N, C-alpha and C. Protein backbone atom coordinates (compact mmCIF):
# COMPACT_ATOMS: atom_id res chain seq x y z
N MET A 1 98.95 110.52 100.66
CA MET A 1 98.79 109.94 99.30
C MET A 1 99.74 110.59 98.30
N ALA A 2 99.96 111.92 98.50
CA ALA A 2 100.83 112.60 97.55
C ALA A 2 102.31 112.29 97.86
N LYS A 3 103.06 112.15 96.78
CA LYS A 3 104.50 111.87 96.92
C LYS A 3 105.28 113.12 96.88
N LEU A 4 106.45 113.12 97.46
CA LEU A 4 107.36 114.25 97.46
C LEU A 4 108.40 114.09 96.32
N ASN A 5 108.68 115.18 95.63
CA ASN A 5 109.73 115.20 94.66
C ASN A 5 111.02 115.62 95.27
N ILE A 6 112.04 115.84 94.52
CA ILE A 6 113.35 116.13 95.11
C ILE A 6 113.42 117.41 95.89
N LYS A 7 112.68 118.37 95.47
CA LYS A 7 112.66 119.72 96.17
C LYS A 7 111.75 119.69 97.39
N GLY A 8 111.05 118.63 97.64
CA GLY A 8 110.14 118.55 98.79
C GLY A 8 108.78 118.97 98.58
N ASN A 9 108.41 119.33 97.32
CA ASN A 9 107.06 119.76 96.92
C ASN A 9 106.20 118.52 96.66
N ARG A 10 104.90 118.64 96.85
CA ARG A 10 103.96 117.58 96.55
C ARG A 10 103.75 117.51 95.10
N LYS A 11 103.46 116.32 94.55
CA LYS A 11 103.15 116.19 93.17
C LYS A 11 102.01 115.29 92.94
N THR A 12 101.45 115.30 91.73
CA THR A 12 100.26 114.46 91.44
C THR A 12 100.67 113.03 91.32
N VAL A 13 99.80 112.19 91.83
CA VAL A 13 100.05 110.70 91.80
C VAL A 13 98.89 110.10 90.94
N SER A 14 99.28 109.09 90.14
CA SER A 14 98.25 108.43 89.34
C SER A 14 97.86 107.08 89.99
N GLY A 15 96.65 106.63 89.65
CA GLY A 15 96.19 105.38 90.26
C GLY A 15 95.03 104.85 89.30
N ASN A 16 94.21 103.96 89.88
CA ASN A 16 93.11 103.37 89.15
C ASN A 16 91.81 103.60 89.85
N ARG A 17 90.79 103.77 88.97
CA ARG A 17 89.39 103.73 89.46
C ARG A 17 88.79 102.41 89.07
N ILE A 18 88.41 101.54 90.02
CA ILE A 18 87.98 100.22 89.74
C ILE A 18 86.49 100.11 89.86
N THR A 19 85.86 99.61 88.74
CA THR A 19 84.38 99.43 88.71
C THR A 19 84.05 98.02 89.02
N ARG A 20 83.15 97.73 89.99
CA ARG A 20 82.77 96.35 90.32
C ARG A 20 81.31 96.13 90.18
N LYS A 21 80.92 94.84 89.95
CA LYS A 21 79.59 94.48 89.70
C LYS A 21 79.27 93.18 90.47
N GLY A 22 78.09 93.04 91.03
CA GLY A 22 77.72 91.81 91.72
C GLY A 22 77.34 92.03 93.20
N LEU A 23 77.04 90.95 93.89
CA LEU A 23 76.69 91.04 95.26
C LEU A 23 77.78 90.51 96.11
N PRO A 24 78.24 91.24 97.19
CA PRO A 24 79.37 90.74 98.02
C PRO A 24 79.04 89.44 98.66
N LYS A 25 80.08 88.66 98.97
CA LYS A 25 79.93 87.37 99.64
C LYS A 25 79.30 87.55 100.99
N LYS A 26 79.57 88.55 101.74
CA LYS A 26 79.01 88.72 103.07
C LYS A 26 77.54 89.02 102.99
N ASN A 27 77.01 89.39 101.83
CA ASN A 27 75.58 89.68 101.66
C ASN A 27 74.93 88.48 101.00
N GLY A 28 75.56 87.38 100.77
CA GLY A 28 74.94 86.20 100.23
C GLY A 28 75.22 85.97 98.76
N GLY A 29 76.06 86.82 98.12
CA GLY A 29 76.34 86.62 96.70
C GLY A 29 77.54 85.74 96.49
N ILE A 30 77.97 85.77 95.29
CA ILE A 30 79.18 84.95 94.94
C ILE A 30 80.42 85.84 94.88
N GLY A 31 80.31 87.13 95.16
CA GLY A 31 81.45 88.02 95.16
C GLY A 31 81.37 89.08 94.08
N LEU A 32 82.20 90.12 94.24
CA LEU A 32 82.25 91.24 93.33
C LEU A 32 83.22 90.91 92.20
N ASN A 33 82.80 91.20 90.99
CA ASN A 33 83.61 91.02 89.81
C ASN A 33 84.03 92.37 89.28
N ILE A 34 85.35 92.52 88.89
CA ILE A 34 85.86 93.69 88.32
C ILE A 34 85.41 93.81 86.90
N THR A 35 84.70 94.90 86.54
CA THR A 35 84.18 95.00 85.19
C THR A 35 84.96 96.11 84.38
N GLY A 36 85.72 96.90 85.12
CA GLY A 36 86.46 97.97 84.31
C GLY A 36 87.46 98.62 85.23
N VAL A 37 88.62 99.05 84.63
CA VAL A 37 89.64 99.77 85.30
C VAL A 37 90.01 101.01 84.47
N ALA A 38 89.85 102.18 85.09
CA ALA A 38 90.15 103.41 84.45
C ALA A 38 91.23 104.16 85.15
N ARG A 39 92.15 104.81 84.45
CA ARG A 39 93.25 105.54 85.10
C ARG A 39 92.64 106.82 85.62
N ARG A 40 93.27 107.37 86.73
CA ARG A 40 92.91 108.61 87.29
C ARG A 40 94.10 109.20 88.01
N THR A 41 93.96 110.48 88.47
CA THR A 41 95.02 111.18 89.13
C THR A 41 94.51 111.61 90.54
N PHE A 42 95.39 111.61 91.46
CA PHE A 42 95.16 112.13 92.77
C PHE A 42 95.92 113.36 92.96
N LYS A 43 95.26 114.53 93.10
CA LYS A 43 95.90 115.82 93.17
C LYS A 43 95.82 116.39 94.57
N CYS A 44 96.81 117.19 94.97
CA CYS A 44 96.78 117.81 96.27
C CYS A 44 95.70 118.84 96.24
N ASN A 45 95.04 118.99 97.50
CA ASN A 45 94.06 120.04 97.70
C ASN A 45 94.77 121.35 97.98
N MET A 46 94.79 122.22 96.91
CA MET A 46 95.57 123.46 96.99
C MET A 46 94.62 124.68 96.92
N GLN A 47 95.05 125.74 97.62
CA GLN A 47 94.36 127.05 97.47
C GLN A 47 95.41 128.10 97.38
N ARG A 48 94.98 129.23 96.72
CA ARG A 48 95.93 130.32 96.49
C ARG A 48 95.66 131.30 97.66
N LYS A 49 96.66 131.61 98.44
CA LYS A 49 96.56 132.47 99.62
C LYS A 49 97.69 133.40 99.72
N ARG A 50 97.38 134.55 100.42
CA ARG A 50 98.52 135.49 100.77
C ARG A 50 99.22 135.01 102.01
N VAL A 51 100.50 134.96 101.95
CA VAL A 51 101.30 134.43 103.06
C VAL A 51 102.34 135.47 103.48
N ARG A 52 102.43 135.69 104.76
CA ARG A 52 103.47 136.57 105.28
C ARG A 52 104.73 135.80 105.68
N PHE A 53 105.88 136.21 105.22
CA PHE A 53 107.12 135.52 105.59
C PHE A 53 107.76 136.21 106.81
N SER A 54 108.82 135.57 107.30
CA SER A 54 109.38 136.04 108.53
C SER A 54 110.11 137.47 108.40
N ASP A 55 110.47 137.81 107.14
CA ASP A 55 111.11 139.13 106.96
C ASP A 55 110.06 140.17 106.72
N GLY A 56 108.73 139.85 106.82
CA GLY A 56 107.66 140.84 106.69
C GLY A 56 107.08 140.98 105.32
N THR A 57 107.65 140.32 104.30
CA THR A 57 107.03 140.44 102.96
C THR A 57 105.82 139.54 102.89
N VAL A 58 104.93 139.97 101.98
CA VAL A 58 103.70 139.24 101.77
C VAL A 58 103.66 138.77 100.32
N ARG A 59 103.42 137.53 100.12
CA ARG A 59 103.37 136.99 98.71
C ARG A 59 102.09 136.14 98.59
N ARG A 60 101.52 136.10 97.35
CA ARG A 60 100.47 135.20 97.10
C ARG A 60 101.00 133.92 96.46
N MET A 61 100.66 132.81 97.09
CA MET A 61 101.24 131.52 96.56
C MET A 61 100.19 130.37 96.79
N TRP A 62 100.52 129.27 96.11
CA TRP A 62 99.70 128.09 96.23
C TRP A 62 100.10 127.32 97.48
N VAL A 63 99.15 127.00 98.38
CA VAL A 63 99.48 126.24 99.61
C VAL A 63 98.49 125.14 99.75
N ARG A 64 98.90 124.02 100.47
CA ARG A 64 98.03 122.90 100.67
C ARG A 64 97.01 123.32 101.80
N VAL A 65 95.73 122.91 101.60
CA VAL A 65 94.76 123.17 102.63
C VAL A 65 95.06 122.46 103.94
N LYS A 66 95.78 121.31 103.87
CA LYS A 66 96.21 120.59 105.12
C LYS A 66 97.14 121.47 105.92
N ASP A 67 98.04 122.21 105.24
CA ASP A 67 98.97 123.08 105.95
C ASP A 67 98.23 124.32 106.49
N LEU A 68 97.28 124.83 105.76
CA LEU A 68 96.49 125.98 106.27
C LEU A 68 95.71 125.62 107.52
N LYS A 69 95.07 124.48 107.55
CA LYS A 69 94.31 124.09 108.72
C LYS A 69 95.22 123.85 109.95
N SER A 70 96.45 123.40 109.71
CA SER A 70 97.39 123.17 110.80
C SER A 70 98.01 124.39 111.35
N GLY A 71 97.78 125.60 110.69
CA GLY A 71 98.30 126.86 111.11
C GLY A 71 99.79 127.04 110.74
N MET A 72 100.22 126.45 109.74
CA MET A 72 101.62 126.58 109.33
C MET A 72 101.95 127.90 108.76
N TYR A 73 100.93 128.57 108.15
CA TYR A 73 101.14 129.85 107.55
C TYR A 73 100.54 130.95 108.35
N ASP A 74 101.25 132.12 108.43
CA ASP A 74 100.76 133.28 109.16
C ASP A 74 99.90 134.09 108.17
N ASN A 75 98.57 134.26 108.51
CA ASN A 75 97.71 134.96 107.64
C ASN A 75 97.85 136.49 107.89
N PRO A 76 98.20 137.26 106.88
CA PRO A 76 98.39 138.75 107.13
C PRO A 76 97.01 139.41 107.37
N ASP A 77 97.13 140.51 108.09
CA ASP A 77 95.97 141.31 108.37
C ASP A 77 95.54 142.15 107.17
N LYS A 78 94.21 142.47 107.12
CA LYS A 78 93.78 143.27 105.97
C LYS A 78 94.36 144.61 105.89
N LYS A 79 94.81 145.17 106.99
CA LYS A 79 95.41 146.50 107.00
C LYS A 79 96.68 146.56 106.14
N ASP A 80 97.34 145.38 105.93
CA ASP A 80 98.56 145.37 105.13
C ASP A 80 98.25 145.60 103.64
N PHE A 81 96.93 145.40 103.22
CA PHE A 81 96.66 145.49 101.77
C PHE A 81 95.90 146.79 101.46
N VAL A 82 95.61 147.65 102.43
CA VAL A 82 94.93 148.90 102.19
C VAL A 82 95.91 149.90 101.58
N LYS A 83 95.58 150.46 100.41
CA LYS A 83 96.40 151.43 99.78
C LYS A 83 96.28 152.77 100.52
N LYS A 84 97.40 153.39 100.77
CA LYS A 84 97.36 154.71 101.48
C LYS A 84 97.54 155.82 100.52
């Protein structure tokens, strides 16, 4: 649903929320009538996580939950964050 911009990042997409009233034809009515249309936005599901990069550095950044579930990011161990 999210579109890509020039840099490849996801961005917010706008759409409509449609309100309907009536009984559907398949249930014996004469059909649903649209009674209202409101604008809305579709946003990416983002979380702020610590991510380890290939050079060993750890940064906190916003990542998509879809990418987290797929295992795209290497989650750093807790020992990396313990102060000595």
